[in-house]
Amino acid sequence: MHVLQLALLSEKSLKKNFRMLLLRWLWLPIRIHDTLAFSNCLILGHLEVDDS
C-alpha cells in the first residue's frame, strides 16, 4: 500500500513539476519578445524624437 501511495505521489509531483517547467519555458520567450518589443519602441521613439 505504501509503495503504491508513494508511486502516486511521485507521479503527481512529476506532473506538477512538468507543468511548472512548461509554464516557465512558455513564459521565457514571451518575456523576451515583450522586452525586445519594448526596447524597439523606445529606440523608435527616440529616433522619432531626434528627427523632429
Protein backbone atom coordinates (compact mmCIF):
# COMPACT_ATOMS: atom_id res chain seq x y z
CA MET A 1 0.00 0.00 0.00
CA HIS A 2 2.76 2.42 0.92
CA VAL A 3 4.62 1.73 -2.32
CA LEU A 4 1.50 2.47 -4.33
CA GLN A 5 0.89 5.71 -2.44
CA LEU A 6 4.49 6.76 -2.99
CA ALA A 7 4.21 5.98 -6.69
CA LEU A 8 1.03 8.04 -6.97
CA LEU A 9 2.58 10.91 -5.02
CA SER A 10 5.71 10.93 -7.16
CA GLU A 11 3.60 10.82 -10.32
CA LYS A 12 1.58 13.80 -9.10
CA SER A 13 4.69 15.76 -8.19
CA LEU A 14 6.26 14.90 -11.55
CA LYS A 15 3.21 16.20 -13.37
CA LYS A 16 3.22 19.31 -11.21
CA ASN A 17 6.93 19.92 -11.83
CA PHE A 18 6.47 19.28 -15.54
CA ARG A 19 3.65 21.81 -15.66
CA MET A 20 5.79 24.35 -13.81
CA LEU A 21 8.69 23.79 -16.22
CA LEU A 22 6.37 24.02 -19.20
CA LEU A 23 4.92 27.30 -17.94
CA ARG A 24 8.41 28.64 -17.29
CA TRP A 25 9.60 27.72 -20.78
CA LEU A 26 6.48 29.25 -22.33
CA TRP A 27 6.86 32.36 -20.18
CA LEU A 28 10.51 32.92 -21.16
CA PRO A 29 10.05 33.57 -24.92
CA ILE A 30 7.02 35.73 -24.16
CA ARG A 31 9.10 37.83 -21.76
CA ILE A 32 11.98 38.07 -24.25
CA HIS A 33 9.56 39.08 -27.01
CA ASP A 34 7.96 41.73 -24.80
CA THR A 35 11.36 43.08 -23.77
CA LEU A 36 12.50 43.26 -27.39
CA ALA A 37 9.26 44.91 -28.45
CA PHE A 38 9.56 47.41 -25.61
CA SER A 39 13.19 48.26 -26.43
CA ASN A 40 12.29 48.59 -30.12
CA CYS A 41 9.52 51.02 -29.17
CA LEU A 42 11.99 53.02 -27.08
CA ILE A 43 14.53 53.08 -29.92
CA LEU A 44 11.89 54.05 -32.49
CA GLY A 45 10.53 56.64 -30.08
CA HIS A 46 13.99 58.16 -29.61
CA LEU A 47 14.59 58.17 -33.37
CA GLU A 48 11.26 59.90 -33.97
CA VAL A 49 12.05 62.44 -31.26
CA ASP A 50 15.52 63.02 -32.75
CA ASP A 51 14.08 63.55 -36.24
CA SER A 52 11.72 66.27 -35.06
